[in-house]
PDB file of all heavy atoms in Angstrom:
ATOM      1  N   ARG A   1      90.421 130.930 117.995  1.00  0.00           N
ATOM      2  CA  ARG A   1      89.184 130.969 117.234  1.00  0.00           C
ATOM      3  C   ARG A   1      88.035 130.887 118.236  1.00  0.00           C
ATOM      4  O   ARG A   1      87.902 129.900 118.969  1.00  0.00           O
ATOM      5  CB  ARG A   1      89.125 129.802 116.249  1.00  0.00           C
ATOM      6  CG  ARG A   1      88.049 129.934 115.167  1.00  0.00           C
ATOM      7  CD  ARG A   1      86.719 129.466 115.680  1.00  0.00           C
ATOM      8  NE  ARG A   1      85.703 129.412 114.627  1.00  0.00           N
ATOM      9  CZ  ARG A   1      84.405 129.386 114.845  1.00  0.00           C
ATOM     10  NH1 ARG A   1      83.931 129.423 116.079  1.00  0.00           N
ATOM     11  NH2 ARG A   1      83.567 129.325 113.846  1.00  0.00           N
ATOM     12  N   GLY A   2      87.201 131.920 118.304  1.00  0.00           N
ATOM     13  CA  GLY A   2      86.091 131.898 119.241  1.00  0.00           C
ATOM     14  C   GLY A   2      85.422 133.248 119.351  1.00  0.00           C
ATOM     15  O   GLY A   2      85.843 134.222 118.722  1.00  0.00           O
ATOM     16  N   GLU A   3      84.369 133.304 120.145  1.00  0.00           N
ATOM     17  CA  GLU A   3      83.638 134.535 120.391  1.00  0.00           C
ATOM     18  C   GLU A   3      84.132 135.153 121.699  1.00  0.00           C
ATOM     19  O   GLU A   3      84.131 134.493 122.739  1.00  0.00           O
ATOM     20  CB  GLU A   3      82.133 134.267 120.461  1.00  0.00           C
ATOM     21  CG  GLU A   3      81.560 133.740 119.150  1.00  0.00           C
ATOM     22  CD  GLU A   3      80.060 133.502 119.243  1.00  0.00           C
ATOM     23  OE1 GLU A   3      79.482 133.792 120.317  1.00  0.00           O
ATOM     24  OE2 GLU A   3      79.481 133.034 118.246  1.00  0.00           O
ATOM     25  N   PHE A   4      84.526 136.394 121.637  1.00  0.00           N
ATOM     26  CA  PHE A   4      85.097 137.076 122.794  1.00  0.00           C
ATOM     27  C   PHE A   4      84.196 136.956 124.026  1.00  0.00           C
ATOM     28  O   PHE A   4      84.674 136.732 125.139  1.00  0.00           O
ATOM     29  CB  PHE A   4      85.323 138.548 122.453  1.00  0.00           C
ATOM     30  CG  PHE A   4      85.758 139.392 123.616  1.00  0.00           C
ATOM     31  CD1 PHE A   4      87.045 139.277 124.126  1.00  0.00           C
ATOM     32  CD2 PHE A   4      84.882 140.300 124.193  1.00  0.00           C
ATOM     33  CE1 PHE A   4      87.456 140.059 125.205  1.00  0.00           C
ATOM     34  CE2 PHE A   4      85.277 141.090 125.264  1.00  0.00           C
ATOM     35  CZ  PHE A   4      86.572 140.960 125.774  1.00  0.00           C
ATOM     36  N   GLU A   5      82.898 137.084 123.837  1.00  0.00           N
ATOM     37  CA  GLU A   5      81.967 137.059 124.958  1.00  0.00           C
ATOM     38  C   GLU A   5      81.981 135.733 125.701  1.00  0.00           C
ATOM     39  O   GLU A   5      81.660 135.685 126.898  1.00  0.00           O
ATOM     40  CB  GLU A   5      80.526 137.324 124.486  1.00  0.00           C
ATOM     41  CG  GLU A   5      80.359 138.596 123.659  1.00  0.00           C
ATOM     42  CD  GLU A   5      80.362 138.297 122.177  1.00  0.00           C
ATOM     43  OE1 GLU A   5      81.331 137.668 121.715  1.00  0.00           O
ATOM     44  OE2 GLU A   5      79.400 138.678 121.486  1.00  0.00           O
ATOM     45  N   ASN A   6      82.383 134.652 125.023  1.00  0.00           N
ATOM     46  CA  ASN A   6      82.294 133.318 125.616  1.00  0.00           C
ATOM     47  C   ASN A   6      83.642 132.740 126.025  1.00  0.00           C
ATOM     48  O   ASN A   6      83.694 131.601 126.504  1.00  0.00           O
ATOM     49  CB  ASN A   6      81.616 132.364 124.617  1.00  0.00           C
ATOM     50  CG  ASN A   6      80.216 132.800 124.257  1.00  0.00           C
ATOM     51  OD1 ASN A   6      79.499 133.356 125.078  1.00  0.00           O
ATOM     52  ND2 ASN A   6      79.817 132.579 123.007  1.00  0.00           N
ATOM     53  N   LEU A   7      84.707 133.487 125.836  1.00  0.00           N
ATOM     54  CA  LEU A   7      86.040 132.989 126.163  1.00  0.00           C
ATOM     55  C   LEU A   7      86.425 133.336 127.597  1.00  0.00           C
ATOM     56  O   LEU A   7      85.989 134.339 128.149  1.00  0.00           O
ATOM     57  CB  LEU A   7      87.075 133.574 125.206  1.00  0.00           C
ATOM     58  CG  LEU A   7      86.960 133.142 123.735  1.00  0.00           C
ATOM     59  CD1 LEU A   7      87.919 133.947 122.873  1.00  0.00           C
ATOM     60  CD2 LEU A   7      87.236 131.648 123.585  1.00  0.00           C
ATOM     61  N   THR A   8      87.247 132.479 128.189  1.00  0.00           N
ATOM     62  CA  THR A   8      87.805 132.715 129.521  1.00  0.00           C
ATOM     63  C   THR A   8      89.292 133.018 129.373  1.00  0.00           C
ATOM     64  O   THR A   8      90.004 132.339 128.621  1.00  0.00           O
ATOM     65  CB  THR A   8      87.617 131.483 130.423  1.00  0.00           C
ATOM     66  OG1 THR A   8      86.215 131.207 130.540  1.00  0.00           O
ATOM     67  CG2 THR A   8      88.188 131.740 131.812  1.00  0.00           C
ATOM     68  N   PHE A   9      89.769 134.041 130.069  1.00  0.00           N
ATOM     69  CA  PHE A   9      91.163 134.470 129.944  1.00  0.00           C
ATOM     70  C   PHE A   9      91.888 134.315 131.277  1.00  0.00           C
ATOM     71  O   PHE A   9      91.365 134.698 132.331  1.00  0.00           O
ATOM     72  CB  PHE A   9      91.232 135.933 129.489  1.00  0.00           C
ATOM     73  CG  PHE A   9      90.578 136.177 128.160  1.00  0.00           C
ATOM     74  CD1 PHE A   9      89.230 136.513 128.086  1.00  0.00           C
ATOM     75  CD2 PHE A   9      91.308 136.054 126.987  1.00  0.00           C
ATOM     76  CE1 PHE A   9      88.626 136.735 126.865  1.00  0.00           C
ATOM     77  CE2 PHE A   9      90.706 136.272 125.759  1.00  0.00           C
ATOM     78  CZ  PHE A   9      89.362 136.610 125.698  1.00  0.00           C
ATOM     79  N   ALA A  10      93.094 133.769 131.209  1.00  0.00           N
ATOM     80  CA  ALA A  10      93.907 133.600 132.417  1.00  0.00           C
ATOM     81  C   ALA A  10      94.865 134.765 132.611  1.00  0.00           C
ATOM     82  O   ALA A  10      95.418 134.936 133.708  1.00  0.00           O
ATOM     83  CB  ALA A  10      94.697 132.293 132.333  1.00  0.00           C
ATOM     84  N   ASP A  11      95.071 135.567 131.566  1.00  0.00           N
ATOM     85  CA  ASP A  11      96.053 136.649 131.611  1.00  0.00           C
ATOM     86  C   ASP A  11      95.378 138.004 131.734  1.00  0.00           C
ATOM     87  O   ASP A  11      94.191 138.173 131.460  1.00  0.00           O
ATOM     88  CB  ASP A  11      96.919 136.634 130.338  1.00  0.00           C
ATOM     89  CG  ASP A  11      97.730 135.366 130.200  1.00  0.00           C
ATOM     90  OD1 ASP A  11      98.238 134.872 131.215  1.00  0.00           O
ATOM     91  OD2 ASP A  11      97.837 134.860 129.067  1.00  0.00           O
ATOM     92  N   TYR A  12      96.207 138.993 132.132  1.00  0.00           N
ATOM     93  CA  TYR A  12      95.828 140.404 132.066  1.00  0.00           C
ATOM     94  C   TYR A  12      96.674 141.055 130.971  1.00  0.00           C
ATOM     95  O   TYR A  12      97.793 140.612 130.684  1.00  0.00           O
ATOM     96  CB  TYR A  12      96.065 141.105 133.406  1.00  0.00           C
ATOM     97  CG  TYR A  12      95.184 140.579 134.514  1.00  0.00           C
ATOM     98  CD1 TYR A  12      95.658 139.627 135.403  1.00  0.00           C
ATOM     99  CD2 TYR A  12      93.879 141.031 134.655  1.00  0.00           C
ATOM    100  CE1 TYR A  12      94.857 139.134 136.420  1.00  0.00           C
ATOM    101  CE2 TYR A  12      93.065 140.553 135.668  1.00  0.00           C
ATOM    102  CZ  TYR A  12      93.559 139.600 136.547  1.00  0.00           C
ATOM    103  OH  TYR A  12      92.758 139.112 137.545  1.00  0.00           O
ATOM    104  N   TYR A  13      96.153 142.112 130.374  1.00  0.00           N
ATOM    105  CA  TYR A  13      96.786 142.692 129.198  1.00  0.00           C
ATOM    106  C   TYR A  13      97.108 144.168 129.420  1.00  0.00           C
ATOM    107  O   TYR A  13      96.357 144.894 130.076  1.00  0.00           O
ATOM    108  CB  TYR A  13      95.882 142.534 127.973  1.00  0.00           C
ATOM    109  CG  TYR A  13      95.593 141.090 127.657  1.00  0.00           C
ATOM    110  CD1 TYR A  13      94.480 140.450 128.205  1.00  0.00           C
ATOM    111  CD2 TYR A  13      96.447 140.352 126.849  1.00  0.00           C
ATOM    112  CE1 TYR A  13      94.222 139.113 127.937  1.00  0.00           C
ATOM    113  CE2 TYR A  13      96.193 139.013 126.574  1.00  0.00           C
ATOM    114  CZ  TYR A  13      95.083 138.402 127.125  1.00  0.00           C
ATOM    115  OH  TYR A  13      94.834 137.072 126.870  1.00  0.00           O
ATOM    116  N   ASN A  14      98.223 144.597 128.831  1.00  0.00           N
ATOM    117  CA  ASN A  14      98.561 146.018 128.845  1.00  0.00           C
ATOM    118  C   ASN A  14      97.664 146.803 127.899  1.00  0.00           C
ATOM    119  O   ASN A  14      97.348 147.976 128.159  1.00  0.00           O
ATOM    120  CB  ASN A  14     100.028 146.219 128.439  1.00  0.00           C
ATOM    121  CG  ASN A  14     100.986 145.493 129.348  1.00  0.00           C
ATOM    122  OD1 ASN A  14     101.596 144.500 128.939  1.00  0.00           O
ATOM    123  ND2 ASN A  14     101.108 145.936 130.594  1.00  0.00           N
ATOM    124  N   TYR A  15      97.267 146.148 126.812  1.00  0.00           N
ATOM    125  CA  TYR A  15      96.404 146.785 125.811  1.00  0.00           C
ATOM    126  C   TYR A  15      95.379 145.779 125.310  1.00  0.00           C
ATOM    127  O   TYR A  15      95.679 144.591 125.137  1.00  0.00           O
ATOM    128  CB  TYR A  15      97.213 147.282 124.610  1.00  0.00           C
ATOM    129  CG  TYR A  15      98.328 148.230 124.950  1.00  0.00           C
ATOM    130  CD1 TYR A  15      99.625 147.765 125.174  1.00  0.00           C
ATOM    131  CD2 TYR A  15      98.092 149.602 125.058  1.00  0.00           C
ATOM    132  CE1 TYR A  15     100.649 148.637 125.495  1.00  0.00           C
ATOM    133  CE2 TYR A  15      99.111 150.477 125.379  1.00  0.00           C
ATOM    134  CZ  TYR A  15     100.384 149.988 125.599  1.00  0.00           C
ATOM    135  OH  TYR A  15     101.392 150.853 125.920  1.00  0.00           O
ATOM    136  N   ILE A  16      94.181 146.275 125.058  1.00  0.00           N
ATOM    137  CA  ILE A  16      93.164 145.512 124.337  1.00  0.00           C
ATOM    138  C   ILE A  16      92.682 146.391 123.189  1.00  0.00           C
ATOM    139  O   ILE A  16      92.359 147.567 123.389  1.00  0.00           O
ATOM    140  CB  ILE A  16      91.987 145.118 125.241  1.00  0.00           C
ATOM    141  CG1 ILE A  16      92.470 144.197 126.365  1.00  0.00           C
ATOM    142  CG2 ILE A  16      90.885 144.435 124.428  1.00  0.00           C
ATOM    143  CD1 ILE A  16      91.391 143.801 127.357  1.00  0.00           C
ATOM    144  N   SER A  17      92.665 145.839 121.989  1.00  0.00           N
ATOM    145  CA  SER A  17      92.256 146.604 120.809  1.00  0.00           C
ATOM    146  C   SER A  17      91.046 145.956 120.153  1.00  0.00           C
ATOM    147  O   SER A  17      90.901 144.727 120.161  1.00  0.00           O
ATOM    148  CB  SER A  17      93.408 146.718 119.799  1.00  0.00           C
ATOM    149  OG  SER A  17      93.845 145.434 119.388  1.00  0.00           O
ATOM    150  N   MET A  18      90.189 146.808 119.601  1.00  0.00           N
ATOM    151  CA  MET A  18      89.044 146.364 118.810  1.00  0.00           C
ATOM    152  C   MET A  18      88.926 147.295 117.617  1.00  0.00           C
ATOM    153  O   MET A  18      88.407 148.409 117.741  1.00  0.00           O
ATOM    154  CB  MET A  18      87.753 146.407 119.632  1.00  0.00           C
ATOM    155  CG  MET A  18      87.665 145.385 120.736  1.00  0.00           C
ATOM    156  SD  MET A  18      86.014 145.379 121.510  1.00  0.00           S
ATOM    157  CE  MET A  18      86.239 144.104 122.739  1.00  0.00           C
ATOM    158  N   ASN A  19      89.406 146.862 116.492  1.00  0.00           N
ATOM    159  CA  ASN A  19      89.387 147.676 115.276  1.00  0.00           C
ATOM    160  C   ASN A  19      88.304 147.190 114.328  1.00  0.00           C
ATOM    161  O   ASN A  19      88.359 146.067 113.826  1.00  0.00           O
ATOM    162  CB  ASN A  19      90.755 147.619 114.585  1.00  0.00           C
ATOM    163  CG  ASN A  19      91.832 148.266 115.424  1.00  0.00           C
ATOM    164  OD1 ASN A  19      91.598 149.281 116.078  1.00  0.00           O
ATOM    165  ND2 ASN A  19      93.027 147.683 115.426  1.00  0.00           N
ATOM    166  N   ASP A  20      87.304 148.039 114.112  1.00  0.00           N
ATOM    167  CA  ASP A  20      86.211 147.709 113.198  1.00  0.00           C
ATOM    168  C   ASP A  20      85.514 146.414 113.595  1.00  0.00           C
ATOM    169  O   ASP A  20      85.195 145.578 112.745  1.00  0.00           O
ATOM    170  CB  ASP A  20      86.725 147.610 111.757  1.00  0.00           C
ATOM    171  CG  ASP A  20      87.155 148.961 111.209  1.00  0.00           C
ATOM    172  OD1 ASP A  20      86.440 149.951 111.452  1.00  0.00           O
ATOM    173  OD2 ASP A  20      88.211 149.033 110.550  1.00  0.00           O
ATOM    174  N   ILE A  21      85.267 146.261 114.887  1.00  0.00           N
ATOM    175  CA  ILE A  21      84.594 145.047 115.350  1.00  0.00           C
ATOM    176  C   ILE A  21      83.442 145.348 116.297  1.00  0.00           C
ATOM    177  O   ILE A  21      82.455 144.614 116.346  1.00  0.00           O
ATOM    178  CB  ILE A  21      85.615 144.078 116.010  1.00  0.00           C
ATOM    179  CG1 ILE A  21      84.973 142.710 116.298  1.00  0.00           C
ATOM    180  CG2 ILE A  21      86.170 144.669 117.289  1.00  0.00           C
ATOM    181  CD1 ILE A  21      84.561 141.958 115.063  1.00  0.00           C
ATOM    182  N   LEU A  22      83.507 146.452 117.041  1.00  0.00           N
ATOM    183  CA  LEU A  22      82.496 146.740 118.056  1.00  0.00           C
ATOM    184  C   LEU A  22      81.101 146.838 117.450  1.00  0.00           C
ATOM    185  O   LEU A  22      80.102 146.450 118.069  1.00  0.00           O
ATOM    186  CB  LEU A  22      82.857 148.046 118.781  1.00  0.00           C
ATOM    187  CG  LEU A  22      82.100 148.355 120.073  1.00  0.00           C
ATOM    188  CD1 LEU A  22      82.309 147.258 121.115  1.00  0.00           C
ATOM    189  CD2 LEU A  22      82.541 149.704 120.624  1.00  0.00           C
ATOM    190  N   GLU A  23      81.013 147.317 116.218  1.00  0.00           N
ATOM    191  CA  GLU A  23      79.720 147.482 115.550  1.00  0.00           C
ATOM    192  C   GLU A  23      79.071 146.152 115.166  1.00  0.00           C
ATOM    193  O   GLU A  23      77.897 146.112 114.794  1.00  0.00           O
ATOM    194  CB  GLU A  23      79.869 148.355 114.303  1.00  0.00           C
ATOM    195  CG  GLU A  23      80.726 147.757 113.203  1.00  0.00           C
ATOM    196  CD  GLU A  23      82.216 148.058 113.349  1.00  0.00           C
ATOM    197  OE1 GLU A  23      82.650 148.463 114.449  1.00  0.00           O
ATOM    198  OE2 GLU A  23      82.935 147.894 112.339  1.00  0.00           O
ATOM    199  N   HIS A  24      79.829 145.056 115.270  1.00  0.00           N
ATOM    200  CA  HIS A  24      79.310 143.746 114.905  1.00  0.00           C
ATOM    201  C   HIS A  24      78.744 142.968 116.092  1.00  0.00           C
ATOM    202  O   HIS A  24      78.099 141.940 115.889  1.00  0.00           O
ATOM    203  CB  HIS A  24      80.410 142.905 114.254  1.00  0.00           C
ATOM    204  CG  HIS A  24      80.973 143.486 113.003  1.00  0.00           C
ATOM    205  ND1 HIS A  24      80.224 143.662 111.861  1.00  0.00           N
ATOM    206  CD2 HIS A  24      82.218 143.952 112.711  1.00  0.00           C
ATOM    207  CE1 HIS A  24      80.983 144.206 110.915  1.00  0.00           C
ATOM    208  NE2 HIS A  24      82.192 144.395 111.409  1.00  0.00           N
ATOM    209  N   PHE A  25      78.999 143.413 117.307  1.00  0.00           N
ATOM    210  CA  PHE A  25      78.568 142.668 118.477  1.00  0.00           C
ATOM    211  C   PHE A  25      77.077 142.870 118.752  1.00  0.00           C
ATOM    212  O   PHE A  25      76.523 143.948 118.528  1.00  0.00           O
ATOM    213  CB  PHE A  25      79.368 143.087 119.714  1.00  0.00           C
ATOM    214  CG  PHE A  25      80.758 142.536 119.764  1.00  0.00           C
ATOM    215  CD1 PHE A  25      81.855 143.376 119.653  1.00  0.00           C
ATOM    216  CD2 PHE A  25      80.978 141.175 119.939  1.00  0.00           C
ATOM    217  CE1 PHE A  25      83.139 142.872 119.711  1.00  0.00           C
ATOM    218  CE2 PHE A  25      82.260 140.665 120.004  1.00  0.00           C
ATOM    219  CZ  PHE A  25      83.344 141.512 119.879  1.00  0.00           C
ATOM    220  N   TYR A  26      76.467 141.835 119.293  1.00  0.00           N
ATOM    221  CA  TYR A  26      75.061 141.909 119.686  1.00  0.00           C
ATOM    222  C   TYR A  26      74.856 142.992 120.737  1.00  0.00           C
ATOM    223  O   TYR A  26      73.923 143.795 120.650  1.00  0.00           O
ATOM    224  CB  TYR A  26      74.623 140.543 120.218  1.00  0.00           C
ATOM    225  CG  TYR A  26      73.217 140.491 120.741  1.00  0.00           C
ATOM    226  CD1 TYR A  26      72.134 140.707 119.900  1.00  0.00           C
ATOM    227  CD2 TYR A  26      72.981 140.198 122.086  1.00  0.00           C
ATOM    228  CE1 TYR A  26      70.840 140.645 120.378  1.00  0.00           C
ATOM    229  CE2 TYR A  26      71.684 140.133 122.573  1.00  0.00           C
ATOM    230  CZ  TYR A  26      70.619 140.355 121.721  1.00  0.00           C
ATOM    231  OH  TYR A  26      69.344 140.298 122.208  1.00  0.00           O
ATOM    232  N   SER A  27      75.744 143.047 121.745  1.00  0.00           N
ATOM    233  CA  SER A  27      75.635 144.056 122.794  1.00  0.00           C
ATOM    234  C   SER A  27      77.003 144.681 123.058  1.00  0.00           C
ATOM    235  O   SER A  27      77.795 144.140 123.848  1.00  0.00           O
ATOM    236  CB  SER A  27      75.092 143.453 124.094  1.00  0.00           C
ATOM    237  OG  SER A  27      75.118 144.415 125.133  1.00  0.00           O
ATOM    238  N   PRO A  28      77.336 145.807 122.417  1.00  0.00           N
ATOM    239  CA  PRO A  28      78.614 146.477 122.705  1.00  0.00           C
ATOM    240  C   PRO A  28      78.793 146.803 124.185  1.00  0.00           C
ATOM    241  O   PRO A  28      79.907 146.739 124.706  1.00  0.00           O
ATOM    242  CB  PRO A  28      78.523 147.750 121.857  1.00  0.00           C
ATOM    243  CG  PRO A  28      77.631 147.379 120.714  1.00  0.00           C
ATOM    244  CD  PRO A  28      76.603 146.463 121.320  1.00  0.00           C
ATOM    245  N   PHE A  29      77.705 147.137 124.876  1.00  0.00           N
ATOM    246  CA  PHE A  29      77.792 147.445 126.303  1.00  0.00           C
ATOM    247  C   PHE A  29      78.334 146.249 127.080  1.00  0.00           C
ATOM    248  O   PHE A  29      79.258 146.381 127.890  1.00  0.00           O
ATOM    249  CB  PHE A  29      76.406 147.841 126.828  1.00  0.00           C
ATOM    250  CG  PHE A  29      76.406 148.297 128.259  1.00  0.00           C
ATOM    251  CD1 PHE A  29      76.511 149.641 128.580  1.00  0.00           C
ATOM    252  CD2 PHE A  29      76.287 147.374 129.296  1.00  0.00           C
ATOM    253  CE1 PHE A  29      76.517 150.066 129.901  1.00  0.00           C
ATOM    254  CE2 PHE A  29      76.282 147.777 130.617  1.00  0.00           C
ATOM    255  CZ  PHE A  29      76.400 149.128 130.922  1.00  0.00           C
ATOM    256  N   ASN A  30      77.792 145.074 126.842  1.00  0.00           N
ATOM    257  CA  ASN A  30      78.237 143.878 127.559  1.00  0.00           C
ATOM    258  C   ASN A  30      79.666 143.504 127.204  1.00  0.00           C
ATOM    259  O   ASN A  30      80.408 142.980 128.042  1.00  0.00           O
ATOM    260  CB  ASN A  30      77.305 142.708 127.262  1.00  0.00           C
ATOM    261  CG  ASN A  30      75.929 142.889 127.871  1.00  0.00           C
ATOM    262  OD1 ASN A  30      75.733 143.736 128.749  1.00  0.00           O
ATOM    263  ND2 ASN A  30      74.964 142.116 127.396  1.00  0.00           N
ATOM    264  N   VAL A  31      80.054 143.757 125.964  1.00  0.00           N
ATOM    265  CA  VAL A  31      81.423 143.462 125.539  1.00  0.00           C
ATOM    266  C   VAL A  31      82.412 144.374 126.257  1.00  0.00           C
ATOM    267  O   VAL A  31      83.407 143.917 126.842  1.00  0.00           O
ATOM    268  CB  VAL A  31      81.551 143.615 124.008  1.00  0.00           C
ATOM    269  CG1 VAL A  31      83.016 143.628 123.587  1.00  0.00           C
ATOM    270  CG2 VAL A  31      80.817 142.487 123.308  1.00  0.00           C
ATOM    271  N   ILE A  32      82.141 145.675 126.237  1.00  0.00           N
ATOM    272  CA  ILE A  32      83.071 146.620 126.858  1.00  0.00           C
ATOM    273  C   ILE A  32      83.103 146.441 128.375  1.00  0.00           C
ATOM    274  O   ILE A  32      84.130 146.682 129.020  1.00  0.00           O
ATOM    275  CB  ILE A  32      82.693 148.062 126.479  1.00  0.00           C
ATOM    276  CG1 ILE A  32      82.857 148.251 124.969  1.00  0.00           C
ATOM    277  CG2 ILE A  32      83.568 149.075 127.217  1.00  0.00           C
ATOM    278  CD1 ILE A  32      82.451 149.615 124.463  1.00  0.00           C
ATOM    279  N   GLU A  33      82.017 145.982 128.935  1.00  0.00           N
ATOM    280  CA  GLU A  33      81.968 145.748 130.385  1.00  0.00           C
ATOM    281  C   GLU A  33      83.043 144.776 130.847  1.00  0.00           C
ATOM    282  O   GLU A  33      83.533 144.850 131.982  1.00  0.00           O
ATOM    283  CB  GLU A  33      80.578 145.219 130.750  1.00  0.00           C
ATOM    284  CG  GLU A  33      80.316 145.103 132.230  1.00  0.00           C
ATOM    285  CD  GLU A  33      78.898 144.664 132.522  1.00  0.00           C
ATOM    286  OE1 GLU A  33      78.317 143.933 131.673  1.00  0.00           O
ATOM    287  OE2 GLU A  33      78.361 145.045 133.576  1.00  0.00           O
ATOM    288  N   ARG A  34      83.465 143.865 129.966  1.00  0.00           N
ATOM    289  CA  ARG A  34      84.496 142.878 130.321  1.00  0.00           C
ATOM    290  C   ARG A  34      85.902 143.465 130.322  1.00  0.00           C
ATOM    291  O   ARG A  34      86.795 142.936 130.988  1.00  0.00           O
ATOM    292  CB  ARG A  34      84.485 141.713 129.325  1.00  0.00           C
ATOM    293  CG  ARG A  34      83.251 140.862 129.297  1.00  0.00           C
ATOM    294  CD  ARG A  34      83.547 139.561 128.574  1.00  0.00           C
ATOM    295  NE  ARG A  34      84.432 138.709 129.348  1.00  0.00           N
ATOM    296  CZ  ARG A  34      85.000 137.592 128.877  1.00  0.00           C
ATOM    297  NH1 ARG A  34      84.800 137.227 127.611  1.00  0.00           N
ATOM    298  NH2 ARG A  34      85.791 136.862 129.639  1.00  0.00           N
ATOM    299  N   ILE A  35      86.102 144.526 129.536  1.00  0.00           N
ATOM    300  CA  ILE A  35      87.457 145.007 129.277  1.00  0.00           C
ATOM    301  C   ILE A  35      88.221 145.395 130.534  1.00  0.00           C
ATOM    302  O   ILE A  35      89.376 144.974 130.721  1.00  0.00           O
ATOM    303  CB  ILE A  35      87.425 146.183 128.275  1.00  0.00           C
ATOM    304  CG1 ILE A  35      86.771 145.746 126.950  1.00  0.00           C
ATOM    305  CG2 ILE A  35      88.833 146.708 128.024  1.00  0.00           C
ATOM    306  CD1 ILE A  35      87.472 144.632 126.234  1.00  0.00           C
ATOM    307  N   PRO A  36      87.672 146.201 131.452  1.00  0.00           N
ATOM    308  CA  PRO A  36      88.452 146.597 132.632  1.00  0.00           C
ATOM    309  C   PRO A  36      88.963 145.419 133.463  1.00  0.00           C
ATOM    310  O   PRO A  36      90.018 145.516 134.093  1.00  0.00           O
ATOM    311  CB  PRO A  36      87.464 147.455 133.438  1.00  0.00           C
ATOM    312  CG  PRO A  36      86.515 147.981 132.419  1.00  0.00           C
ATOM    313  CD  PRO A  36      86.357 146.873 131.431  1.00  0.00           C
ATOM    314  N   TYR A  37      88.228 144.315 133.457  1.00  0.00           N
ATOM    315  CA  TYR A  37      88.636 143.149 134.240  1.00  0.00           C
ATOM    316  C   TYR A  37      89.778 142.376 133.589  1.00  0.00           C
ATOM    317  O   TYR A  37      90.396 141.526 134.231  1.00  0.00           O
ATOM    318  CB  TYR A  37      87.440 142.219 134.433  1.00  0.00           C
ATOM    319  CG  TYR A  37      86.307 142.856 135.206  1.00  0.00           C
ATOM    320  CD1 TYR A  37      85.202 143.381 134.535  1.00  0.00           C
ATOM    321  CD2 TYR A  37      86.350 142.963 136.591  1.00  0.00           C
ATOM    322  CE1 TYR A  37      84.161 143.977 135.235  1.00  0.00           C
ATOM    323  CE2 TYR A  37      85.312 143.556 137.297  1.00  0.00           C
ATOM    324  CZ  TYR A  37      84.225 144.065 136.614  1.00  0.00           C
ATOM    325  OH  TYR A  37      83.202 144.662 137.307  1.00  0.00           O
ATOM    326  N   LEU A  38      90.057 142.673 132.317  1.00  0.00           N
ATOM    327  CA  LEU A  38      91.137 141.988 131.602  1.00  0.00           C
ATOM    328  C   LEU A  38      92.388 142.847 131.457  1.00  0.00           C
ATOM    329  O   LEU A  38      93.427 142.352 131.013  1.00  0.00           O
ATOM    330  CB  LEU A  38      90.650 141.570 130.211  1.00  0.00           C
ATOM    331  CG  LEU A  38      89.487 140.566 130.173  1.00  0.00           C
ATOM    332  CD1 LEU A  38      89.025 140.348 128.739  1.00  0.00           C
ATOM    333  CD2 LEU A  38      89.894 139.247 130.809  1.00  0.00           C
TER     334      LEU A  38
END
């Protein structure tokens, strides 16, 4: 339970999915910027 922008992750992932959620973020650019690092 939390906000993706404020969470810290110890793992790397084979897949990251966002279904019907990107339109709800304050800054989609800042959100997607995190994805390659995870």
